[in-house]
């Protein structure tokens, strides 16, 4: 079971578009691998089955569950051509974790995302389409909601958000029973 500080995602690698090797369309046998930065594919990552017929427009539509490391910044998706044991990387997409794991996004929200694949030289080499849903842990969902069903952000998380350069500052009025006299 995941600890309170960790989360998991359900990712579906849906399809690829306009996949090329050496500027020529991929003919067949493509698959995708998914992992978080600093992980090897065998430890916590996943891979799709090989699409034998899709060529440059493969359809995998494969769902996998991954544990998000606490310090993860990117989810790496690689699209390969060939067999599992002998293949060539068509392209790689580095997906920022913040694209689907933000402080103000609804829990269990289904994100439909598309990313440009880049080859080893940094050239555009197709697109990968994915969906991501952050799995809600019971202990987190209970502490995040108040009795009225409104989202509550713990002070420690708010401080972390601002330290990491979260971007937008939101003013929250504080009501007091004191009356101010001028």
N, C-alpha and C. Protein backbone atom coordinates (compact mmCIF):
# COMPACT_ATOMS: atom_id res chain seq x y z
N UNK A 1 0.84 -1.19 0.00
CA UNK A 1 0.00 0.00 0.00
C UNK A 1 0.87 1.24 0.00
N UNK A 2 0.39 2.27 -0.64
CA UNK A 2 1.16 3.51 -0.75
C UNK A 2 1.12 4.28 0.56
N UNK A 3 2.21 4.99 0.85
CA UNK A 3 2.24 5.82 2.03
C UNK A 3 1.49 7.10 1.76
N UNK A 4 1.23 7.87 2.83
CA UNK A 4 0.46 9.10 2.66
C UNK A 4 1.17 10.09 1.75
N UNK A 5 2.50 10.10 1.74
CA UNK A 5 3.24 11.06 0.93
C UNK A 5 3.39 10.61 -0.53
N UNK A 6 2.97 9.39 -0.85
CA UNK A 6 3.08 8.93 -2.23
C UNK A 6 1.69 8.80 -2.84
N UNK A 7 1.65 8.80 -4.15
CA UNK A 7 0.41 8.65 -4.89
C UNK A 7 0.65 7.69 -6.03
N UNK A 8 -0.43 7.27 -6.62
CA UNK A 8 -0.29 6.43 -7.80
C UNK A 8 -1.18 7.01 -8.91
N UNK A 9 -0.85 6.63 -10.13
CA UNK A 9 -1.63 7.07 -11.27
C UNK A 9 -2.07 5.87 -12.07
N UNK A 10 -3.13 6.08 -12.81
CA UNK A 10 -3.59 5.12 -13.79
C UNK A 10 -3.37 5.80 -15.13
N UNK A 11 -2.44 5.28 -15.91
CA UNK A 11 -2.12 5.89 -17.20
C UNK A 11 -2.54 4.93 -18.31
N UNK A 12 -3.17 5.49 -19.33
CA UNK A 12 -3.52 4.72 -20.51
C UNK A 12 -2.73 5.30 -21.68
N UNK A 13 -1.88 4.48 -22.25
CA UNK A 13 -1.15 4.89 -23.46
C UNK A 13 -2.09 4.56 -24.61
N UNK A 14 -2.68 5.60 -25.18
CA UNK A 14 -3.76 5.41 -26.15
C UNK A 14 -3.23 5.10 -27.54
N UNK A 15 -2.45 6.02 -28.11
CA UNK A 15 -2.03 5.85 -29.49
C UNK A 15 -0.83 6.73 -29.83
N UNK A 16 -0.32 6.54 -31.03
CA UNK A 16 0.74 7.38 -31.58
C UNK A 16 0.29 7.94 -32.92
N UNK A 17 0.91 9.03 -33.33
CA UNK A 17 0.56 9.66 -34.61
C UNK A 17 1.83 10.05 -35.35
N UNK A 18 1.84 9.79 -36.64
CA UNK A 18 2.91 10.22 -37.54
C UNK A 18 4.31 9.81 -37.05
N UNK A 19 4.45 8.56 -36.64
CA UNK A 19 5.75 8.05 -36.17
C UNK A 19 6.67 7.81 -37.36
N UNK A 20 7.94 8.24 -37.18
CA UNK A 20 8.91 8.12 -38.27
C UNK A 20 10.27 7.69 -37.73
N UNK A 21 11.01 6.99 -38.58
CA UNK A 21 12.41 6.68 -38.31
C UNK A 21 13.19 7.13 -39.55
N UNK A 22 14.19 7.97 -39.32
CA UNK A 22 14.97 8.54 -40.42
C UNK A 22 14.05 9.18 -41.46
N UNK A 23 13.05 9.91 -40.98
CA UNK A 23 12.08 10.65 -41.80
C UNK A 23 11.20 9.77 -42.67
N UNK A 24 11.22 8.47 -42.45
CA UNK A 24 10.35 7.54 -43.18
C UNK A 24 9.30 7.00 -42.21
N UNK A 25 8.05 6.84 -42.67
CA UNK A 25 7.00 6.33 -41.78
C UNK A 25 7.35 4.94 -41.24
N UNK A 26 7.02 4.72 -39.97
CA UNK A 26 7.22 3.41 -39.35
C UNK A 26 6.23 2.45 -39.99
N UNK A 27 6.69 1.25 -40.33
CA UNK A 27 5.83 0.28 -41.02
C UNK A 27 4.96 -0.53 -40.05
N UNK A 28 5.56 -1.06 -38.99
CA UNK A 28 4.81 -1.90 -38.04
C UNK A 28 5.64 -2.15 -36.79
N UNK A 29 5.08 -2.93 -35.87
CA UNK A 29 5.74 -3.34 -34.64
C UNK A 29 6.21 -2.17 -33.77
N UNK A 30 5.27 -1.45 -33.20
CA UNK A 30 5.61 -0.37 -32.28
C UNK A 30 5.05 -0.66 -30.91
N UNK A 31 5.74 -0.18 -29.89
CA UNK A 31 5.26 -0.28 -28.51
C UNK A 31 5.79 0.91 -27.74
N UNK A 32 5.20 1.15 -26.58
CA UNK A 32 5.60 2.29 -25.76
C UNK A 32 5.99 1.82 -24.36
N UNK A 33 6.95 2.51 -23.76
CA UNK A 33 7.34 2.25 -22.38
C UNK A 33 7.11 3.51 -21.57
N UNK A 34 6.79 3.33 -20.30
CA UNK A 34 6.47 4.45 -19.41
C UNK A 34 7.23 4.28 -18.11
N UNK A 35 7.83 5.36 -17.61
CA UNK A 35 8.53 5.33 -16.33
C UNK A 35 8.64 6.74 -15.78
N UNK A 36 8.92 6.84 -14.51
CA UNK A 36 9.21 8.15 -13.92
C UNK A 36 10.70 8.38 -13.98
N UNK A 37 11.14 9.65 -13.97
CA UNK A 37 12.56 9.96 -14.05
C UNK A 37 13.32 9.22 -12.96
N UNK A 38 14.52 8.82 -13.27
CA UNK A 38 15.43 8.09 -12.39
C UNK A 38 14.94 6.69 -12.02
N UNK A 39 14.02 6.11 -12.80
CA UNK A 39 13.60 4.73 -12.61
C UNK A 39 14.04 3.95 -13.83
N UNK A 40 14.30 2.68 -13.64
CA UNK A 40 14.51 1.85 -14.81
C UNK A 40 13.15 1.28 -15.19
N UNK A 41 12.99 0.84 -16.43
CA UNK A 41 11.69 0.38 -16.87
C UNK A 41 11.24 -0.86 -16.11
N UNK A 42 12.15 -1.65 -15.61
CA UNK A 42 11.76 -2.84 -14.87
C UNK A 42 11.31 -2.55 -13.44
N UNK A 43 11.63 -1.38 -12.90
CA UNK A 43 11.27 -1.08 -11.51
C UNK A 43 10.21 0.01 -11.44
N UNK A 44 8.98 -0.39 -11.59
CA UNK A 44 7.90 0.57 -11.43
C UNK A 44 7.39 1.16 -12.72
N UNK A 45 8.00 0.82 -13.85
CA UNK A 45 7.52 1.32 -15.13
C UNK A 45 6.61 0.30 -15.78
N UNK A 46 6.23 0.57 -16.99
CA UNK A 46 5.38 -0.36 -17.71
C UNK A 46 5.60 -0.24 -19.21
N UNK A 47 5.06 -1.20 -19.94
CA UNK A 47 5.16 -1.15 -21.39
C UNK A 47 3.90 -1.73 -22.02
N UNK A 48 3.59 -1.25 -23.21
CA UNK A 48 2.42 -1.73 -23.93
C UNK A 48 2.78 -3.00 -24.70
N UNK A 49 1.76 -3.65 -25.21
CA UNK A 49 1.98 -4.75 -26.14
C UNK A 49 2.44 -4.15 -27.47
N UNK A 50 3.00 -4.96 -28.31
CA UNK A 50 3.44 -4.50 -29.64
C UNK A 50 2.23 -4.39 -30.56
N UNK A 51 2.10 -3.24 -31.22
CA UNK A 51 1.07 -3.06 -32.24
C UNK A 51 1.69 -3.53 -33.55
N UNK A 52 1.20 -4.62 -34.08
CA UNK A 52 1.77 -5.24 -35.28
C UNK A 52 1.38 -4.53 -36.57
N UNK A 53 0.19 -3.90 -36.61
CA UNK A 53 -0.33 -3.41 -37.87
C UNK A 53 -0.48 -1.90 -37.98
N UNK A 54 -0.41 -1.16 -36.88
CA UNK A 54 -0.73 0.27 -36.92
C UNK A 54 0.25 1.13 -37.67
N UNK A 55 1.47 0.66 -37.85
CA UNK A 55 2.47 1.44 -38.58
C UNK A 55 2.73 2.78 -37.92
N UNK A 56 2.61 3.86 -38.68
CA UNK A 56 2.87 5.21 -38.17
C UNK A 56 1.78 5.73 -37.25
N UNK A 57 0.64 5.02 -37.18
CA UNK A 57 -0.48 5.44 -36.35
C UNK A 57 -0.93 4.26 -35.49
N UNK A 58 -0.08 3.83 -34.56
CA UNK A 58 -0.43 2.66 -33.74
C UNK A 58 -1.53 2.97 -32.72
N UNK A 59 -2.27 1.94 -32.35
CA UNK A 59 -3.30 2.05 -31.34
C UNK A 59 -2.99 1.00 -30.27
N UNK A 60 -2.62 1.46 -29.06
CA UNK A 60 -2.33 0.52 -27.98
C UNK A 60 -3.48 0.44 -27.00
N UNK A 61 -3.96 1.58 -26.56
CA UNK A 61 -5.07 1.67 -25.61
C UNK A 61 -4.86 0.74 -24.41
N UNK A 62 -3.67 0.82 -23.81
CA UNK A 62 -3.33 -0.04 -22.68
C UNK A 62 -3.20 0.76 -21.40
N UNK A 63 -3.86 0.26 -20.37
CA UNK A 63 -3.89 0.92 -19.07
C UNK A 63 -2.88 0.26 -18.16
N UNK A 64 -2.19 1.09 -17.36
CA UNK A 64 -1.24 0.57 -16.38
C UNK A 64 -1.25 1.47 -15.14
N UNK A 65 -0.96 0.89 -14.01
CA UNK A 65 -0.91 1.65 -12.75
C UNK A 65 0.55 1.81 -12.35
N UNK A 66 0.92 3.03 -11.97
CA UNK A 66 2.29 3.32 -11.57
C UNK A 66 2.28 4.09 -10.25
N UNK A 67 3.23 3.80 -9.41
CA UNK A 67 3.44 4.53 -8.17
C UNK A 67 4.28 5.77 -8.50
N UNK A 68 3.85 6.93 -8.02
CA UNK A 68 4.58 8.17 -8.28
C UNK A 68 5.62 8.37 -7.18
N UNK A 69 6.91 8.36 -7.49
CA UNK A 69 7.91 8.66 -6.47
C UNK A 69 7.70 10.08 -5.93
N UNK A 70 7.97 10.27 -4.67
CA UNK A 70 7.73 11.55 -4.02
C UNK A 70 8.47 12.68 -4.72
N UNK A 71 9.70 12.43 -5.20
CA UNK A 71 10.50 13.48 -5.82
C UNK A 71 10.42 13.50 -7.35
N UNK A 72 9.45 12.80 -7.93
CA UNK A 72 9.35 12.72 -9.39
C UNK A 72 8.98 14.07 -9.99
N UNK A 73 9.66 14.43 -11.06
CA UNK A 73 9.35 15.67 -11.77
C UNK A 73 8.81 15.40 -13.17
N UNK A 74 9.20 14.25 -13.75
CA UNK A 74 8.78 13.92 -15.11
C UNK A 74 8.36 12.47 -15.22
N UNK A 75 7.41 12.23 -16.12
CA UNK A 75 7.03 10.90 -16.56
C UNK A 75 7.59 10.77 -17.97
N UNK A 76 8.38 9.75 -18.22
CA UNK A 76 9.03 9.58 -19.52
C UNK A 76 8.31 8.50 -20.32
N UNK A 77 7.91 8.86 -21.53
CA UNK A 77 7.27 7.90 -22.43
C UNK A 77 8.17 7.75 -23.64
N UNK A 78 8.56 6.51 -23.93
CA UNK A 78 9.37 6.23 -25.11
C UNK A 78 8.57 5.33 -26.05
N UNK A 79 8.59 5.67 -27.32
CA UNK A 79 7.95 4.83 -28.33
C UNK A 79 9.05 4.12 -29.08
N UNK A 80 8.92 2.81 -29.20
CA UNK A 80 9.94 1.96 -29.83
C UNK A 80 9.37 1.29 -31.08
N UNK A 81 10.25 0.90 -31.95
CA UNK A 81 9.90 0.14 -33.15
C UNK A 81 10.75 -1.12 -33.16
N UNK A 82 10.13 -2.27 -33.35
CA UNK A 82 10.85 -3.54 -33.37
C UNK A 82 10.30 -4.46 -32.29
N UNK A 83 11.10 -5.44 -31.89
CA UNK A 83 10.66 -6.36 -30.84
C UNK A 83 11.12 -5.84 -29.48
N UNK A 84 10.61 -6.45 -28.41
CA UNK A 84 10.97 -6.03 -27.06
C UNK A 84 12.49 -6.19 -26.85
N UNK A 85 13.06 -7.29 -27.34
CA UNK A 85 14.48 -7.55 -27.12
C UNK A 85 15.39 -6.77 -28.07
N UNK A 86 14.90 -6.48 -29.26
CA UNK A 86 15.72 -5.76 -30.24
C UNK A 86 14.86 -4.67 -30.88
N UNK A 87 15.12 -3.42 -30.49
CA UNK A 87 14.27 -2.34 -30.98
C UNK A 87 15.06 -1.06 -31.12
N UNK A 88 14.39 -0.09 -31.67
CA UNK A 88 14.97 1.23 -31.88
C UNK A 88 13.99 2.25 -31.33
N UNK A 89 14.49 3.25 -30.63
CA UNK A 89 13.62 4.29 -30.07
C UNK A 89 13.20 5.24 -31.18
N UNK A 90 11.88 5.34 -31.37
CA UNK A 90 11.33 6.27 -32.36
C UNK A 90 11.38 7.68 -31.80
N UNK A 91 10.92 7.84 -30.55
CA UNK A 91 10.90 9.16 -29.93
C UNK A 91 10.57 9.08 -28.45
N UNK A 92 10.87 10.17 -27.75
CA UNK A 92 10.67 10.25 -26.31
C UNK A 92 9.90 11.52 -25.98
N UNK A 93 8.99 11.41 -25.02
CA UNK A 93 8.27 12.57 -24.49
C UNK A 93 8.48 12.61 -22.98
N UNK A 94 8.87 13.78 -22.47
CA UNK A 94 9.03 13.96 -21.03
C UNK A 94 7.84 14.79 -20.55
N UNK A 95 6.96 14.15 -19.79
CA UNK A 95 5.72 14.77 -19.33
C UNK A 95 5.94 15.31 -17.92
N UNK A 96 5.80 16.63 -17.71
CA UNK A 96 5.94 17.17 -16.35
C UNK A 96 4.83 16.60 -15.45
N UNK A 97 5.20 16.14 -14.28
CA UNK A 97 4.23 15.60 -13.33
C UNK A 97 3.19 16.66 -12.99
N UNK A 98 3.58 17.92 -13.02
CA UNK A 98 2.64 19.01 -12.71
C UNK A 98 1.51 19.11 -13.73
N UNK A 99 1.64 18.49 -14.89
CA UNK A 99 0.56 18.51 -15.88
C UNK A 99 -0.65 17.72 -15.42
N UNK A 100 -0.46 16.76 -14.53
CA UNK A 100 -1.60 15.98 -14.04
C UNK A 100 -1.69 15.90 -12.52
N UNK A 101 -0.70 16.41 -11.81
CA UNK A 101 -0.70 16.33 -10.36
C UNK A 101 -0.53 17.73 -9.79
N UNK A 102 -1.54 18.56 -9.97
CA UNK A 102 -1.49 19.93 -9.48
C UNK A 102 -2.27 20.07 -8.19
N UNK A 103 -1.99 21.11 -7.46
CA UNK A 103 -2.64 21.33 -6.18
C UNK A 103 -4.13 21.64 -6.31
N UNK A 104 -4.55 22.27 -7.38
CA UNK A 104 -5.93 22.73 -7.49
C UNK A 104 -6.75 21.97 -8.52
N UNK A 105 -6.28 20.81 -8.93
CA UNK A 105 -7.06 20.00 -9.86
C UNK A 105 -7.94 19.04 -9.05
N UNK A 106 -9.14 18.75 -9.53
CA UNK A 106 -10.01 17.83 -8.80
C UNK A 106 -9.38 16.44 -8.69
N UNK A 107 -9.63 15.78 -7.58
CA UNK A 107 -9.12 14.42 -7.40
C UNK A 107 -9.80 13.49 -8.39
N UNK A 108 -9.08 12.52 -8.88
CA UNK A 108 -9.56 11.52 -9.84
C UNK A 108 -9.97 12.11 -11.19
N UNK A 109 -9.51 13.31 -11.51
CA UNK A 109 -9.81 13.95 -12.79
C UNK A 109 -9.08 13.19 -13.90
N UNK A 110 -9.78 12.92 -15.00
CA UNK A 110 -9.18 12.23 -16.14
C UNK A 110 -8.58 13.26 -17.09
N UNK A 111 -7.25 13.25 -17.21
CA UNK A 111 -6.54 14.18 -18.09
C UNK A 111 -6.29 13.47 -19.43
N UNK A 112 -6.71 14.07 -20.53
CA UNK A 112 -6.41 13.56 -21.85
C UNK A 112 -5.32 14.45 -22.42
N UNK A 113 -4.15 13.86 -22.67
CA UNK A 113 -2.96 14.65 -23.01
C UNK A 113 -2.28 14.10 -24.27
N UNK A 114 -1.69 15.00 -25.04
CA UNK A 114 -0.90 14.63 -26.22
C UNK A 114 0.44 15.34 -26.12
N UNK A 115 1.51 14.61 -26.45
CA UNK A 115 2.85 15.17 -26.36
C UNK A 115 3.64 14.87 -27.63
N UNK A 116 4.46 15.83 -27.99
CA UNK A 116 5.35 15.69 -29.13
C UNK A 116 6.48 14.74 -28.75
N UNK A 117 6.76 13.79 -29.61
CA UNK A 117 7.90 12.89 -29.42
C UNK A 117 9.12 13.52 -30.09
N UNK A 118 10.26 13.37 -29.46
CA UNK A 118 11.52 13.86 -30.03
C UNK A 118 12.47 12.68 -30.17
N UNK A 119 13.20 12.64 -31.27
CA UNK A 119 14.18 11.57 -31.45
C UNK A 119 15.47 11.93 -30.71
N UNK A 120 16.50 11.12 -30.87
CA UNK A 120 17.77 11.33 -30.18
C UNK A 120 18.45 12.64 -30.52
N UNK A 121 18.14 13.23 -31.68
CA UNK A 121 18.71 14.51 -32.10
C UNK A 121 17.84 15.69 -31.71
N UNK A 122 16.72 15.44 -31.05
CA UNK A 122 15.82 16.51 -30.66
C UNK A 122 14.82 16.90 -31.73
N UNK A 123 14.80 16.16 -32.83
CA UNK A 123 13.87 16.46 -33.93
C UNK A 123 12.48 15.91 -33.62
N UNK A 124 11.47 16.61 -34.11
CA UNK A 124 10.09 16.15 -33.96
C UNK A 124 9.92 14.82 -34.65
N UNK A 125 9.26 13.90 -33.95
CA UNK A 125 9.17 12.55 -34.51
C UNK A 125 7.84 11.89 -34.17
N UNK A 126 6.75 12.64 -34.25
CA UNK A 126 5.44 12.08 -33.99
C UNK A 126 4.84 12.60 -32.69
N UNK A 127 3.69 12.02 -32.35
CA UNK A 127 2.93 12.42 -31.17
C UNK A 127 2.47 11.16 -30.44
N UNK A 128 2.43 11.24 -29.11
CA UNK A 128 1.86 10.16 -28.31
C UNK A 128 0.66 10.72 -27.54
N UNK A 129 -0.43 9.96 -27.52
CA UNK A 129 -1.66 10.37 -26.83
C UNK A 129 -1.86 9.48 -25.61
N UNK A 130 -2.09 10.12 -24.46
CA UNK A 130 -2.25 9.38 -23.22
C UNK A 130 -3.43 9.94 -22.42
N UNK A 131 -3.88 9.16 -21.45
CA UNK A 131 -4.80 9.69 -20.44
C UNK A 131 -4.20 9.34 -19.09
N UNK A 132 -4.38 10.24 -18.12
CA UNK A 132 -3.83 10.03 -16.78
C UNK A 132 -4.90 10.38 -15.75
N UNK A 133 -5.05 9.50 -14.77
CA UNK A 133 -5.94 9.76 -13.64
C UNK A 133 -5.14 9.49 -12.37
N UNK A 134 -5.11 10.48 -11.48
CA UNK A 134 -4.43 10.30 -10.20
C UNK A 134 -5.37 9.52 -9.29
N UNK A 135 -4.86 8.43 -8.74
CA UNK A 135 -5.66 7.62 -7.83
C UNK A 135 -5.69 8.29 -6.47
N UNK A 136 -6.86 8.39 -5.90
CA UNK A 136 -7.04 9.04 -4.61
C UNK A 136 -6.90 7.99 -3.51
N UNK A 137 -6.03 8.28 -2.57
CA UNK A 137 -5.88 7.41 -1.41
C UNK A 137 -6.91 7.82 -0.37
N UNK A 138 -7.52 6.87 0.31
CA UNK A 138 -8.57 7.18 1.27
C UNK A 138 -8.12 8.15 2.35
N UNK A 139 -6.93 7.97 2.89
CA UNK A 139 -6.46 8.85 3.96
C UNK A 139 -6.31 10.28 3.47
N UNK A 140 -5.90 10.48 2.18
CA UNK A 140 -5.75 11.83 1.64
C UNK A 140 -7.10 12.46 1.36
N UNK A 141 -8.05 11.69 0.83
CA UNK A 141 -9.34 12.27 0.50
C UNK A 141 -10.10 12.68 1.75
N UNK A 142 -9.92 11.96 2.84
CA UNK A 142 -10.58 12.32 4.09
C UNK A 142 -10.02 13.61 4.67
N UNK A 143 -8.70 13.81 4.60
CA UNK A 143 -8.11 15.01 5.18
C UNK A 143 -8.26 16.22 4.26
N UNK A 144 -8.45 16.00 2.97
CA UNK A 144 -8.54 17.12 2.04
C UNK A 144 -9.93 17.76 2.04
N UNK A 145 -10.93 17.05 2.52
CA UNK A 145 -12.28 17.60 2.50
C UNK A 145 -12.72 18.00 3.90
N UNK A 146 -13.37 19.13 4.00
CA UNK A 146 -13.95 19.54 5.28
C UNK A 146 -15.34 18.93 5.38
N UNK A 147 -16.02 19.18 6.47
CA UNK A 147 -17.34 18.62 6.65
C UNK A 147 -18.35 19.16 5.64
N UNK A 148 -18.09 20.33 5.06
CA UNK A 148 -19.02 20.90 4.08
C UNK A 148 -18.65 20.50 2.65
N UNK A 149 -17.64 19.65 2.47
CA UNK A 149 -17.27 19.18 1.14
C UNK A 149 -16.39 20.14 0.37
N UNK A 150 -15.83 21.13 1.03
CA UNK A 150 -14.95 22.08 0.35
C UNK A 150 -13.51 21.64 0.49
N UNK A 151 -12.70 21.96 -0.49
CA UNK A 151 -11.30 21.55 -0.48
C UNK A 151 -10.54 22.37 0.56
N UNK A 152 -9.75 21.67 1.35
CA UNK A 152 -8.91 22.31 2.35
C UNK A 152 -7.47 21.96 2.02
N UNK A 153 -6.60 22.95 1.95
CA UNK A 153 -5.19 22.72 1.66
C UNK A 153 -4.42 22.89 2.96
N UNK A 154 -3.77 21.81 3.45
CA UNK A 154 -3.00 21.93 4.68
C UNK A 154 -1.91 22.98 4.55
N UNK A 155 -1.61 23.66 5.67
CA UNK A 155 -0.62 24.74 5.66
C UNK A 155 0.74 24.27 5.17
N UNK A 156 1.14 23.06 5.52
CA UNK A 156 2.45 22.54 5.09
C UNK A 156 2.51 22.43 3.57
N UNK A 157 1.42 21.98 2.94
CA UNK A 157 1.41 21.86 1.48
C UNK A 157 1.41 23.23 0.83
N UNK A 158 0.72 24.20 1.42
CA UNK A 158 0.69 25.55 0.88
C UNK A 158 2.08 26.14 0.90
N UNK A 159 2.81 25.95 2.01
CA UNK A 159 4.17 26.47 2.11
C UNK A 159 5.06 25.82 1.06
N UNK A 160 4.93 24.52 0.84
CA UNK A 160 5.72 23.83 -0.18
C UNK A 160 5.41 24.40 -1.56
N UNK A 161 4.13 24.66 -1.82
CA UNK A 161 3.70 25.20 -3.11
C UNK A 161 4.39 26.54 -3.39
N UNK A 162 4.40 27.44 -2.42
CA UNK A 162 5.00 28.75 -2.63
C UNK A 162 6.53 28.67 -2.70
N UNK A 163 7.15 27.76 -1.94
CA UNK A 163 8.60 27.62 -2.01
C UNK A 163 9.05 27.11 -3.36
N UNK A 164 8.20 26.29 -4.00
CA UNK A 164 8.61 25.71 -5.28
C UNK A 164 8.29 26.64 -6.45
N UNK A 165 7.92 27.88 -6.19
CA UNK A 165 7.64 28.81 -7.28
C UNK A 165 6.33 28.51 -7.96
N UNK A 166 5.29 28.22 -7.18
CA UNK A 166 3.99 27.81 -7.69
C UNK A 166 3.33 28.78 -8.64
N UNK A 167 3.73 30.03 -8.67
CA UNK A 167 3.20 30.92 -9.68
C UNK A 167 2.15 31.89 -9.20
N UNK A 168 0.93 31.47 -9.02
CA UNK A 168 -0.18 32.36 -8.74
C UNK A 168 -0.39 32.49 -7.24
N UNK A 169 -0.57 33.72 -6.77
CA UNK A 169 -0.87 33.96 -5.37
C UNK A 169 -2.36 34.20 -5.27
N UNK A 170 -2.99 33.52 -4.34
CA UNK A 170 -4.43 33.65 -4.17
C UNK A 170 -4.69 34.28 -2.81
N UNK A 171 -5.46 35.37 -2.79
CA UNK A 171 -5.82 36.03 -1.54
C UNK A 171 -7.07 35.40 -0.96
N UNK A 172 -7.02 35.06 0.30
CA UNK A 172 -8.17 34.48 0.98
C UNK A 172 -8.56 35.41 2.11
N UNK A 173 -9.79 35.95 2.10
CA UNK A 173 -10.19 36.87 3.17
C UNK A 173 -10.31 36.14 4.50
N UNK A 174 -9.83 36.77 5.54
CA UNK A 174 -9.95 36.22 6.88
C UNK A 174 -10.94 37.08 7.64
N UNK A 175 -11.99 36.49 8.11
CA UNK A 175 -13.04 37.25 8.81
C UNK A 175 -12.77 37.20 10.30
N UNK A 176 -12.98 38.30 10.93
CA UNK A 176 -12.69 38.40 12.35
C UNK A 176 -13.89 39.00 13.06
N UNK A 177 -14.03 38.71 14.34
CA UNK A 177 -15.13 39.27 15.12
C UNK A 177 -14.77 40.65 15.67
N UNK A 178 -13.53 41.09 15.43
CA UNK A 178 -13.11 42.40 15.90
C UNK A 178 -13.63 43.47 14.97
N UNK A 179 -13.98 44.60 15.51
CA UNK A 179 -14.37 45.72 14.67
C UNK A 179 -13.21 46.72 14.68
N UNK A 180 -12.94 47.26 13.54
CA UNK A 180 -11.83 48.20 13.41
C UNK A 180 -12.37 49.61 13.45
N UNK A 181 -11.73 50.46 14.24
CA UNK A 181 -12.12 51.87 14.35
C UNK A 181 -11.02 52.72 13.75
N UNK A 182 -11.40 53.75 13.04
CA UNK A 182 -10.38 54.61 12.47
C UNK A 182 -10.14 55.82 13.31
